[in-house]
N, C-alpha and C. Protein backbone atom coordinates (compact mmCIF):
# COMPACT_ATOMS: atom_id res chain seq x y z
N UNK A 1 15.04 68.74 221.37
CA UNK A 1 15.99 69.56 220.61
C UNK A 1 17.31 68.83 220.49
N UNK A 2 17.81 68.68 219.29
CA UNK A 2 19.09 68.01 219.07
C UNK A 2 20.23 68.90 219.53
N UNK A 3 21.19 68.31 220.21
CA UNK A 3 22.34 69.05 220.69
C UNK A 3 23.40 69.09 219.61
N UNK A 4 23.87 70.28 219.27
CA UNK A 4 24.94 70.40 218.28
C UNK A 4 26.28 70.26 218.96
N UNK A 5 27.22 69.53 218.38
CA UNK A 5 28.52 69.34 219.02
C UNK A 5 29.31 70.63 219.09
N UNK A 6 30.09 70.79 220.15
CA UNK A 6 30.98 71.93 220.26
C UNK A 6 32.01 71.86 219.15
N UNK A 7 32.14 72.92 218.35
CA UNK A 7 32.96 72.82 217.13
C UNK A 7 34.39 73.28 217.29
N UNK A 8 34.85 73.52 218.50
CA UNK A 8 36.12 74.23 218.67
C UNK A 8 37.31 73.47 218.11
N UNK A 9 37.21 72.13 218.01
CA UNK A 9 38.36 71.39 217.53
C UNK A 9 38.09 70.74 216.18
N UNK A 10 37.11 71.24 215.44
CA UNK A 10 36.79 70.67 214.16
C UNK A 10 37.22 71.62 213.04
N UNK A 11 37.80 71.06 211.97
CA UNK A 11 38.16 71.87 210.82
C UNK A 11 36.92 72.18 210.01
N UNK A 12 36.91 73.34 209.38
CA UNK A 12 35.80 73.75 208.55
C UNK A 12 36.25 73.78 207.09
N UNK A 13 35.37 73.43 206.18
CA UNK A 13 35.67 73.46 204.75
C UNK A 13 35.13 74.73 204.13
N UNK A 14 35.94 75.40 203.31
CA UNK A 14 35.43 76.57 202.60
C UNK A 14 34.72 76.10 201.33
N UNK A 15 34.23 77.04 200.52
CA UNK A 15 33.42 76.69 199.36
C UNK A 15 34.21 75.92 198.31
N UNK A 16 35.53 76.01 198.31
CA UNK A 16 36.36 75.31 197.34
C UNK A 16 36.89 73.99 197.90
N UNK A 17 36.49 73.66 199.10
CA UNK A 17 36.90 72.39 199.68
C UNK A 17 38.20 72.46 200.47
N UNK A 18 38.78 73.63 200.58
CA UNK A 18 40.02 73.76 201.34
C UNK A 18 39.70 73.80 202.83
N UNK A 19 40.64 73.34 203.59
CA UNK A 19 40.44 73.31 205.04
C UNK A 19 40.79 74.65 205.65
N UNK A 20 39.86 75.19 206.46
CA UNK A 20 40.11 76.40 207.23
C UNK A 20 40.45 75.95 208.64
N UNK A 21 41.68 76.20 209.07
CA UNK A 21 42.13 75.70 210.36
C UNK A 21 41.71 76.59 211.51
N UNK A 22 41.07 77.70 211.23
CA UNK A 22 40.59 78.55 212.32
C UNK A 22 39.45 77.85 213.03
N UNK A 23 39.45 77.81 214.36
CA UNK A 23 38.35 77.18 215.07
C UNK A 23 37.06 77.98 214.89
N UNK A 24 35.95 77.27 214.77
CA UNK A 24 34.66 77.95 214.67
C UNK A 24 34.29 78.56 216.02
N UNK A 25 33.49 79.60 215.97
CA UNK A 25 33.04 80.22 217.21
C UNK A 25 32.09 79.29 217.95
N UNK A 26 32.15 79.39 219.27
CA UNK A 26 31.23 78.65 220.13
C UNK A 26 30.37 79.67 220.87
N UNK A 27 29.07 79.64 220.59
CA UNK A 27 28.13 80.59 221.18
C UNK A 27 27.47 79.94 222.40
N UNK A 28 27.60 80.58 223.53
CA UNK A 28 27.11 80.04 224.80
C UNK A 28 25.94 80.88 225.29
N UNK A 29 24.90 80.20 225.75
CA UNK A 29 23.73 80.88 226.31
C UNK A 29 23.52 80.42 227.74
N UNK A 30 23.19 81.36 228.62
CA UNK A 30 22.92 80.99 230.01
C UNK A 30 22.11 82.09 230.69
N UNK A 31 21.37 81.69 231.72
CA UNK A 31 20.71 82.63 232.60
C UNK A 31 21.64 82.94 233.76
N UNK A 32 21.68 84.21 234.18
CA UNK A 32 22.60 84.60 235.24
C UNK A 32 22.01 85.72 236.09
N UNK A 33 22.56 85.83 237.28
CA UNK A 33 22.35 87.01 238.12
C UNK A 33 23.54 87.93 237.88
N UNK A 34 23.25 89.19 237.61
CA UNK A 34 24.30 90.18 237.36
C UNK A 34 24.30 91.20 238.49
N UNK A 35 25.45 91.44 239.12
CA UNK A 35 25.49 92.39 240.23
C UNK A 35 25.38 93.83 239.72
N UNK A 36 24.81 94.69 240.55
CA UNK A 36 24.85 96.11 240.23
C UNK A 36 26.25 96.64 240.52
N UNK A 37 26.49 97.90 240.21
CA UNK A 37 27.85 98.44 240.30
C UNK A 37 28.41 98.37 241.72
N UNK A 38 27.58 98.68 242.72
CA UNK A 38 28.05 98.68 244.10
C UNK A 38 28.39 97.25 244.56
N UNK A 39 27.55 96.30 244.20
CA UNK A 39 27.83 94.91 244.57
C UNK A 39 29.06 94.40 243.85
N UNK A 40 29.20 94.76 242.57
CA UNK A 40 30.38 94.35 241.81
C UNK A 40 31.65 94.88 242.48
N UNK A 41 31.61 96.10 242.96
CA UNK A 41 32.78 96.69 243.63
C UNK A 41 33.11 95.93 244.91
N UNK A 42 32.10 95.52 245.66
CA UNK A 42 32.35 94.76 246.89
C UNK A 42 32.90 93.37 246.58
N UNK A 43 32.40 92.75 245.51
CA UNK A 43 32.95 91.47 245.09
C UNK A 43 34.41 91.61 244.66
N UNK A 44 34.71 92.70 243.96
CA UNK A 44 36.09 92.94 243.54
C UNK A 44 37.01 93.14 244.75
N UNK A 45 36.51 93.82 245.77
CA UNK A 45 37.30 94.00 246.99
C UNK A 45 37.58 92.66 247.65
N UNK A 46 36.56 91.80 247.68
CA UNK A 46 36.75 90.47 248.27
C UNK A 46 37.77 89.66 247.47
N UNK A 47 37.72 89.79 246.14
CA UNK A 47 38.69 89.09 245.30
C UNK A 47 40.10 89.61 245.53
N UNK A 48 40.24 90.92 245.67
CA UNK A 48 41.56 91.50 245.92
C UNK A 48 42.11 91.04 247.27
N UNK A 49 41.23 90.96 248.27
CA UNK A 49 41.68 90.48 249.58
C UNK A 49 42.10 89.02 249.50
N UNK A 50 41.37 88.23 248.72
CA UNK A 50 41.73 86.83 248.53
C UNK A 50 43.09 86.72 247.84
N UNK A 51 43.29 87.54 246.82
CA UNK A 51 44.57 87.53 246.10
C UNK A 51 45.71 87.93 247.03
N UNK A 52 45.50 88.95 247.86
CA UNK A 52 46.55 89.42 248.77
C UNK A 52 46.88 88.37 249.82
N UNK A 53 45.88 87.58 250.21
CA UNK A 53 46.12 86.58 251.26
C UNK A 53 46.73 85.29 250.71
N UNK A 54 46.82 85.18 249.38
CA UNK A 54 47.41 84.00 248.76
C UNK A 54 48.46 84.45 247.72
N UNK A 55 49.56 85.05 248.18
CA UNK A 55 50.55 85.60 247.23
C UNK A 55 51.18 84.53 246.34
N UNK A 56 51.17 83.28 246.78
CA UNK A 56 51.77 82.22 245.97
C UNK A 56 50.81 81.56 244.99
N UNK A 57 49.56 82.02 244.98
CA UNK A 57 48.56 81.41 244.11
C UNK A 57 48.74 81.90 242.68
N UNK A 58 49.04 80.98 241.78
CA UNK A 58 49.13 81.31 240.36
C UNK A 58 47.75 81.14 239.76
N UNK A 59 47.18 82.25 239.28
CA UNK A 59 45.80 82.20 238.82
C UNK A 59 45.55 83.29 237.79
N UNK A 60 44.54 83.05 236.99
CA UNK A 60 44.03 84.06 236.05
C UNK A 60 42.79 84.67 236.68
N UNK A 61 42.87 85.95 237.01
CA UNK A 61 41.80 86.62 237.74
C UNK A 61 40.78 87.19 236.76
N UNK A 62 39.53 86.99 237.09
CA UNK A 62 38.43 87.41 236.23
C UNK A 62 38.21 88.91 236.38
N UNK A 63 37.97 89.58 235.26
CA UNK A 63 37.64 91.00 235.31
C UNK A 63 36.32 91.20 236.05
N UNK A 64 36.24 92.17 236.96
CA UNK A 64 34.98 92.42 237.65
C UNK A 64 33.80 92.67 236.71
N UNK A 65 34.07 93.17 235.51
CA UNK A 65 32.99 93.40 234.56
C UNK A 65 32.30 92.10 234.15
N UNK A 66 32.96 90.97 234.36
CA UNK A 66 32.40 89.67 233.97
C UNK A 66 31.80 88.91 235.16
N UNK A 67 31.79 89.51 236.34
CA UNK A 67 31.23 88.81 237.49
C UNK A 67 29.75 88.50 237.27
N UNK A 68 29.38 87.29 237.58
CA UNK A 68 27.98 86.88 237.50
C UNK A 68 27.82 85.59 238.28
N UNK A 69 26.58 85.23 238.53
CA UNK A 69 26.27 83.93 239.12
C UNK A 69 25.33 83.21 238.15
N UNK A 70 25.78 82.09 237.62
CA UNK A 70 24.98 81.36 236.65
C UNK A 70 23.79 80.70 237.33
N UNK A 71 22.61 80.86 236.74
CA UNK A 71 21.42 80.15 237.20
C UNK A 71 21.22 78.87 236.40
N UNK A 72 21.22 79.00 235.08
CA UNK A 72 21.04 77.83 234.22
C UNK A 72 21.85 77.97 232.94
N UNK A 73 22.58 76.93 232.60
CA UNK A 73 23.32 76.84 231.34
C UNK A 73 22.37 76.30 230.28
N UNK A 74 22.36 76.94 229.11
CA UNK A 74 21.43 76.57 228.05
C UNK A 74 22.12 75.94 226.84
N UNK A 75 23.43 75.77 226.89
CA UNK A 75 24.10 75.06 225.81
C UNK A 75 25.11 75.89 225.04
N UNK A 76 25.98 75.18 224.32
CA UNK A 76 26.95 75.76 223.39
C UNK A 76 26.53 75.42 221.97
N UNK A 77 26.64 76.40 221.06
CA UNK A 77 26.13 76.22 219.69
C UNK A 77 27.12 76.83 218.70
N UNK A 78 27.05 76.35 217.46
CA UNK A 78 27.90 76.90 216.42
C UNK A 78 27.43 78.28 215.98
N UNK A 79 26.16 78.56 216.16
CA UNK A 79 25.57 79.86 215.86
C UNK A 79 24.64 80.23 217.01
N UNK A 80 24.35 81.51 217.16
CA UNK A 80 23.37 81.93 218.14
C UNK A 80 22.01 81.39 217.72
N UNK A 81 21.42 80.55 218.55
CA UNK A 81 20.18 79.87 218.21
C UNK A 81 18.98 80.71 218.63
N UNK A 82 18.28 81.31 217.66
CA UNK A 82 17.16 82.16 217.98
C UNK A 82 16.00 81.36 218.58
N UNK A 83 15.85 80.10 218.19
CA UNK A 83 14.78 79.29 218.76
C UNK A 83 15.01 79.05 220.24
N UNK A 84 16.28 78.85 220.62
CA UNK A 84 16.60 78.66 222.05
C UNK A 84 16.38 79.98 222.80
N UNK A 85 16.80 81.09 222.19
CA UNK A 85 16.58 82.40 222.81
C UNK A 85 15.10 82.64 223.03
N UNK A 86 14.28 82.39 222.03
CA UNK A 86 12.84 82.64 222.14
C UNK A 86 12.22 81.78 223.23
N UNK A 87 12.61 80.52 223.31
CA UNK A 87 12.06 79.64 224.34
C UNK A 87 12.51 80.09 225.73
N UNK A 88 13.76 80.53 225.85
CA UNK A 88 14.27 81.00 227.13
C UNK A 88 13.54 82.27 227.58
N UNK A 89 13.30 83.18 226.65
CA UNK A 89 12.59 84.41 226.96
C UNK A 89 11.17 84.09 227.43
N UNK A 90 10.51 83.16 226.76
CA UNK A 90 9.16 82.76 227.15
C UNK A 90 9.16 82.15 228.54
N UNK A 91 10.17 81.32 228.85
CA UNK A 91 10.25 80.70 230.16
C UNK A 91 10.46 81.73 231.26
N UNK A 92 11.40 82.64 231.04
CA UNK A 92 11.69 83.65 232.07
C UNK A 92 10.52 84.59 232.29
N UNK A 93 9.71 84.79 231.27
CA UNK A 93 8.55 85.66 231.40
C UNK A 93 7.51 85.14 232.38
N UNK A 94 7.64 83.87 232.78
CA UNK A 94 6.69 83.29 233.72
C UNK A 94 7.13 83.46 235.18
N UNK A 95 8.33 84.01 235.39
CA UNK A 95 8.83 84.15 236.75
C UNK A 95 8.02 85.17 237.54
N UNK A 96 7.71 84.84 238.78
CA UNK A 96 7.02 85.74 239.69
C UNK A 96 7.70 85.63 241.04
N UNK A 97 8.58 86.57 241.35
CA UNK A 97 9.31 86.52 242.62
C UNK A 97 9.75 87.91 243.02
N UNK A 98 9.72 88.16 244.32
CA UNK A 98 10.17 89.44 244.86
C UNK A 98 11.68 89.46 244.98
N UNK A 99 12.31 90.64 244.97
CA UNK A 99 13.75 90.74 245.22
C UNK A 99 14.10 90.15 246.59
N UNK A 100 15.35 89.73 246.74
CA UNK A 100 15.79 89.12 247.99
C UNK A 100 17.28 89.38 248.17
N UNK A 101 17.80 89.06 249.34
CA UNK A 101 19.21 89.28 249.63
C UNK A 101 19.96 87.95 249.69
N UNK A 102 21.12 87.96 249.08
CA UNK A 102 22.04 86.81 249.11
C UNK A 102 23.37 87.31 249.66
N UNK A 103 23.84 86.68 250.73
CA UNK A 103 25.09 87.10 251.37
C UNK A 103 26.17 86.06 251.08
N UNK A 104 27.22 86.48 250.39
CA UNK A 104 28.37 85.61 250.10
C UNK A 104 29.40 85.86 251.18
N UNK A 105 29.82 84.79 251.86
CA UNK A 105 30.70 85.01 253.01
C UNK A 105 31.85 84.02 253.10
N UNK A 106 32.11 83.27 252.03
CA UNK A 106 33.29 82.41 252.05
C UNK A 106 33.85 82.22 250.65
N UNK A 107 35.13 81.88 250.61
CA UNK A 107 35.81 81.55 249.36
C UNK A 107 36.14 80.07 249.36
N UNK A 108 36.18 79.49 248.17
CA UNK A 108 36.47 78.07 248.03
C UNK A 108 36.90 77.81 246.60
N UNK A 109 37.08 76.54 246.25
CA UNK A 109 37.44 76.14 244.89
C UNK A 109 36.58 74.98 244.45
N UNK A 110 36.39 74.87 243.14
CA UNK A 110 35.86 73.67 242.53
C UNK A 110 37.03 72.91 241.90
N UNK A 111 36.89 71.60 241.79
CA UNK A 111 37.90 70.81 241.08
C UNK A 111 37.78 71.07 239.58
N UNK A 112 38.88 70.92 238.86
CA UNK A 112 38.86 71.11 237.42
C UNK A 112 40.27 71.24 236.89
N UNK A 113 40.38 71.29 235.56
CA UNK A 113 41.70 71.44 234.94
C UNK A 113 42.34 72.75 235.35
N UNK A 114 41.54 73.82 235.40
CA UNK A 114 41.96 75.09 235.98
C UNK A 114 40.94 75.40 237.07
N UNK A 115 41.17 74.95 238.29
CA UNK A 115 40.14 75.02 239.33
C UNK A 115 39.63 76.44 239.54
N UNK A 116 38.31 76.64 239.41
CA UNK A 116 37.76 77.97 239.67
C UNK A 116 37.87 78.33 241.15
N UNK A 117 38.26 79.56 241.41
CA UNK A 117 38.22 80.13 242.76
C UNK A 117 36.92 80.92 242.85
N UNK A 118 36.12 80.63 243.84
CA UNK A 118 34.76 81.17 243.88
C UNK A 118 34.46 81.85 245.20
N UNK A 119 33.47 82.72 245.15
CA UNK A 119 32.85 83.29 246.35
C UNK A 119 31.44 82.74 246.43
N UNK A 120 31.01 82.39 247.64
CA UNK A 120 29.71 81.74 247.78
C UNK A 120 29.17 81.93 249.19
N UNK A 121 27.98 81.40 249.42
CA UNK A 121 27.42 81.28 250.76
C UNK A 121 27.50 79.81 251.16
N UNK A 122 27.48 79.53 252.46
CA UNK A 122 27.60 78.14 252.91
C UNK A 122 26.34 77.34 252.66
N UNK A 123 25.22 78.03 252.49
CA UNK A 123 23.96 77.37 252.16
C UNK A 123 23.21 78.27 251.17
N UNK A 124 22.28 77.68 250.46
CA UNK A 124 21.53 78.43 249.45
C UNK A 124 20.31 79.07 250.09
N UNK A 125 20.18 80.39 250.01
CA UNK A 125 18.99 81.04 250.57
C UNK A 125 17.72 80.48 249.92
N UNK A 126 16.67 80.38 250.72
CA UNK A 126 15.42 79.83 250.21
C UNK A 126 14.91 80.52 248.95
N UNK A 127 14.86 81.86 248.90
CA UNK A 127 14.38 82.53 247.68
C UNK A 127 15.23 82.24 246.46
N UNK A 128 16.56 82.12 246.64
CA UNK A 128 17.43 81.83 245.51
C UNK A 128 17.19 80.41 244.99
N UNK A 129 17.01 79.47 245.91
CA UNK A 129 16.70 78.11 245.50
C UNK A 129 15.36 78.06 244.77
N UNK A 130 14.38 78.84 245.26
CA UNK A 130 13.07 78.86 244.62
C UNK A 130 13.15 79.46 243.22
N UNK A 131 13.94 80.52 243.07
CA UNK A 131 14.12 81.14 241.76
C UNK A 131 14.71 80.13 240.78
N UNK A 132 15.74 79.42 241.22
CA UNK A 132 16.36 78.40 240.36
C UNK A 132 15.35 77.32 239.98
N UNK A 133 14.58 76.85 240.95
CA UNK A 133 13.61 75.79 240.68
C UNK A 133 12.51 76.27 239.74
N UNK A 134 11.99 77.48 239.97
CA UNK A 134 10.92 77.99 239.12
C UNK A 134 11.39 78.16 237.68
N UNK A 135 12.59 78.69 237.51
CA UNK A 135 13.11 78.88 236.16
C UNK A 135 13.41 77.53 235.52
N UNK A 136 13.92 76.60 236.27
CA UNK A 136 14.19 75.26 235.74
C UNK A 136 12.90 74.61 235.23
N UNK A 137 11.86 74.70 236.03
CA UNK A 137 10.58 74.11 235.64
C UNK A 137 10.05 74.75 234.36
N UNK A 138 10.16 76.08 234.28
CA UNK A 138 9.68 76.79 233.10
C UNK A 138 10.49 76.41 231.86
N UNK A 139 11.79 76.23 232.01
CA UNK A 139 12.64 75.84 230.89
C UNK A 139 12.30 74.43 230.40
N UNK A 140 12.07 73.53 231.32
CA UNK A 140 11.70 72.17 230.93
C UNK A 140 10.38 72.18 230.16
N UNK A 141 9.41 72.94 230.65
CA UNK A 141 8.11 73.02 229.98
C UNK A 141 8.23 73.68 228.60
N UNK A 142 9.25 74.54 228.45
CA UNK A 142 9.48 75.21 227.17
C UNK A 142 10.33 74.37 226.23
N UNK A 143 10.65 73.14 226.62
CA UNK A 143 11.43 72.26 225.77
C UNK A 143 12.92 72.49 225.84
N UNK A 144 13.39 73.18 226.90
CA UNK A 144 14.82 73.49 227.03
C UNK A 144 15.43 72.79 228.23
N UNK A 145 15.00 71.57 228.49
CA UNK A 145 15.49 70.84 229.66
C UNK A 145 16.74 70.03 229.42
N UNK A 146 17.25 70.02 228.19
CA UNK A 146 18.39 69.14 227.87
C UNK A 146 19.63 69.47 228.68
N UNK A 147 19.92 70.75 228.88
CA UNK A 147 21.17 71.14 229.51
C UNK A 147 21.01 71.52 230.99
N UNK A 148 19.80 71.79 231.43
CA UNK A 148 19.66 72.33 232.79
C UNK A 148 20.10 71.29 233.82
N UNK A 149 20.77 71.78 234.85
CA UNK A 149 21.33 70.90 235.88
C UNK A 149 20.24 70.45 236.85
N UNK A 150 20.56 69.39 237.58
CA UNK A 150 19.63 68.87 238.57
C UNK A 150 19.93 69.37 239.97
N UNK A 151 21.04 70.06 240.12
CA UNK A 151 21.40 70.63 241.43
C UNK A 151 21.99 72.01 241.21
N UNK A 152 22.14 72.75 242.30
CA UNK A 152 22.47 74.17 242.20
C UNK A 152 23.44 74.55 243.31
N UNK A 153 24.60 75.06 242.92
CA UNK A 153 25.58 75.59 243.87
C UNK A 153 25.91 77.01 243.43
N UNK A 154 25.13 78.00 243.88
CA UNK A 154 25.34 79.37 243.41
C UNK A 154 26.69 79.92 243.86
N UNK A 155 27.35 80.64 242.96
CA UNK A 155 28.68 81.16 243.26
C UNK A 155 29.06 82.21 242.24
N UNK A 156 30.09 82.97 242.56
CA UNK A 156 30.70 83.91 241.63
C UNK A 156 32.16 83.50 241.45
N UNK A 157 32.56 83.21 240.23
CA UNK A 157 33.95 82.84 239.95
C UNK A 157 34.79 84.11 239.83
N UNK A 158 35.87 84.17 240.60
CA UNK A 158 36.73 85.36 240.58
C UNK A 158 38.11 85.05 240.00
N UNK A 159 38.45 83.77 239.85
CA UNK A 159 39.77 83.42 239.30
C UNK A 159 39.75 81.96 238.86
N UNK A 160 40.73 81.62 237.99
CA UNK A 160 40.99 80.23 237.60
C UNK A 160 42.44 79.95 237.93
N UNK A 161 42.67 79.03 238.84
CA UNK A 161 44.04 78.78 239.30
C UNK A 161 44.73 77.76 238.39
N UNK A 162 46.04 77.69 238.52
CA UNK A 162 46.83 76.71 237.79
C UNK A 162 47.06 75.52 238.71
N UNK A 163 46.02 74.71 238.86
CA UNK A 163 46.05 73.44 239.59
C UNK A 163 45.78 73.56 241.08
N UNK A 164 46.12 74.66 241.72
CA UNK A 164 45.96 74.77 243.17
C UNK A 164 44.50 74.92 243.56
N UNK A 165 44.14 74.33 244.70
CA UNK A 165 42.79 74.45 245.25
C UNK A 165 42.85 75.28 246.53
N UNK A 166 41.86 76.16 246.69
CA UNK A 166 41.75 76.94 247.91
C UNK A 166 41.04 76.14 248.99
N UNK A 167 41.53 76.23 250.22
CA UNK A 167 40.74 75.74 251.34
C UNK A 167 39.57 76.68 251.55
N UNK A 168 38.46 76.15 252.03
CA UNK A 168 37.31 77.00 252.35
C UNK A 168 37.73 78.00 253.43
N UNK A 169 37.48 79.27 253.18
CA UNK A 169 37.89 80.29 254.14
C UNK A 169 36.87 81.42 254.16
N UNK A 170 36.69 82.08 255.30
CA UNK A 170 35.73 83.17 255.38
C UNK A 170 36.25 84.41 254.65
N UNK A 171 35.33 85.21 254.15
CA UNK A 171 35.64 86.50 253.57
C UNK A 171 34.76 87.55 254.23
N UNK A 172 35.10 88.80 254.02
CA UNK A 172 34.21 89.87 254.47
C UNK A 172 32.88 89.71 253.73
N UNK A 173 31.78 89.56 254.48
CA UNK A 173 30.51 89.26 253.81
C UNK A 173 30.12 90.32 252.77
N UNK A 174 29.65 89.83 251.64
CA UNK A 174 29.16 90.69 250.57
C UNK A 174 27.66 90.48 250.44
N UNK A 175 26.89 91.49 250.77
CA UNK A 175 25.43 91.41 250.66
C UNK A 175 25.02 91.83 249.26
N UNK A 176 24.33 90.96 248.58
CA UNK A 176 23.88 91.18 247.20
C UNK A 176 22.37 91.16 247.19
N UNK A 177 21.77 92.30 246.89
CA UNK A 177 20.32 92.34 246.74
C UNK A 177 19.99 91.92 245.31
N UNK A 178 19.41 90.75 245.17
CA UNK A 178 19.11 90.19 243.85
C UNK A 178 17.80 90.77 243.37
N UNK A 179 17.88 91.54 242.28
CA UNK A 179 16.71 92.24 241.77
C UNK A 179 16.42 91.95 240.30
N UNK A 180 17.29 91.20 239.62
CA UNK A 180 17.09 90.98 238.19
C UNK A 180 17.70 89.67 237.76
N UNK A 181 17.16 89.12 236.69
CA UNK A 181 17.65 87.91 236.05
C UNK A 181 17.96 88.28 234.60
N UNK A 182 19.07 87.78 234.07
CA UNK A 182 19.48 88.13 232.71
C UNK A 182 19.70 86.88 231.87
N UNK A 183 19.35 86.98 230.59
CA UNK A 183 19.71 85.97 229.60
C UNK A 183 20.96 86.47 228.90
N UNK A 184 22.03 85.70 228.95
CA UNK A 184 23.35 86.16 228.52
C UNK A 184 23.86 85.31 227.36
N UNK A 185 24.49 85.99 226.40
CA UNK A 185 25.14 85.34 225.27
C UNK A 185 26.62 85.68 225.31
N UNK A 186 27.46 84.67 225.24
CA UNK A 186 28.90 84.92 225.16
C UNK A 186 29.49 84.04 224.07
N UNK A 187 30.60 84.50 223.52
CA UNK A 187 31.38 83.71 222.57
C UNK A 187 32.62 83.24 223.31
N UNK A 188 32.77 81.93 223.39
CA UNK A 188 33.86 81.35 224.18
C UNK A 188 35.20 81.88 223.69
N UNK A 189 36.01 82.36 224.63
CA UNK A 189 37.32 82.90 224.30
C UNK A 189 37.35 84.40 224.15
N UNK A 190 36.17 85.03 224.06
CA UNK A 190 36.11 86.48 223.97
C UNK A 190 35.81 87.07 225.35
N UNK A 191 36.26 88.28 225.57
CA UNK A 191 36.19 88.87 226.90
C UNK A 191 34.79 89.34 227.29
N UNK A 192 34.06 89.86 226.35
CA UNK A 192 32.77 90.47 226.69
C UNK A 192 31.64 89.49 226.50
N UNK A 193 30.55 89.72 227.24
CA UNK A 193 29.33 88.99 226.97
C UNK A 193 28.21 89.99 226.73
N UNK A 194 27.12 89.51 226.16
CA UNK A 194 26.02 90.38 225.76
C UNK A 194 24.75 89.95 226.49
N UNK A 195 24.08 90.90 227.10
CA UNK A 195 22.80 90.64 227.76
C UNK A 195 21.71 90.73 226.70
N UNK A 196 21.03 89.62 226.44
CA UNK A 196 19.99 89.58 225.42
C UNK A 196 18.65 90.07 225.96
N UNK A 197 18.41 89.84 227.25
CA UNK A 197 17.15 90.26 227.86
C UNK A 197 17.33 90.25 229.38
N UNK A 198 16.54 91.07 230.05
CA UNK A 198 16.57 91.14 231.51
C UNK A 198 15.15 91.19 232.05
N UNK A 199 14.99 90.65 233.26
CA UNK A 199 13.70 90.68 233.93
C UNK A 199 13.91 91.16 235.36
N UNK A 200 13.14 92.14 235.78
CA UNK A 200 13.21 92.64 237.14
C UNK A 200 12.33 91.77 238.04
N UNK A 201 12.88 91.41 239.20
CA UNK A 201 12.08 90.69 240.19
C UNK A 201 11.18 91.69 240.88
N UNK A 202 9.93 91.34 241.02
CA UNK A 202 8.94 92.24 241.61
C UNK A 202 8.08 91.47 242.60
N UNK A 203 7.72 92.16 243.65
CA UNK A 203 6.85 91.54 244.66
C UNK A 203 5.54 91.10 244.03
N UNK A 204 5.10 89.91 244.41
CA UNK A 204 3.84 89.38 243.88
C UNK A 204 2.69 90.06 244.59
N UNK A 205 1.78 90.65 243.81
CA UNK A 205 0.64 91.36 244.40
C UNK A 205 -0.30 90.38 245.07
């Protein structure tokens, strides 16, 4: 599959040849774990505690409605690619895994222009690693291996700081019972995202 360039800094021509300086939309597709309402509330409490403990941290805090943990990034496109959606749906349909628990118990940062402040576990639970691997394998077989990563650091981003990095620190543990996987579509720069499909994890008979 050919990768389309991200169009955010490219001018577009209208039918008369005039330049439209408005940036084109960037449509992003990814697989994610989405917390239920109770887990989202506990994550929000952990984020508030982190914010209170770092009063000097200048950061843009993520709305709890947007909390998620990315499993696999599927690319940025100028339009929502139905062929990519169809292949992703087919790949996820092959998943066979029981629900499991993931406990997030520390905060940290990733490096970046606006370093993400994240909540995570110190190690990846075996079932979560297996879920990532199984979905990765299915995506590659479905012809969607171009963007999938070779390693996995599961986390929930709660803020983007203005240059400052957090030291790794413990938080009140948040137990997340992972019961579903979602295919998500977002438009870069817009607040909301759209769940295109969901799959419930079920015990293998």
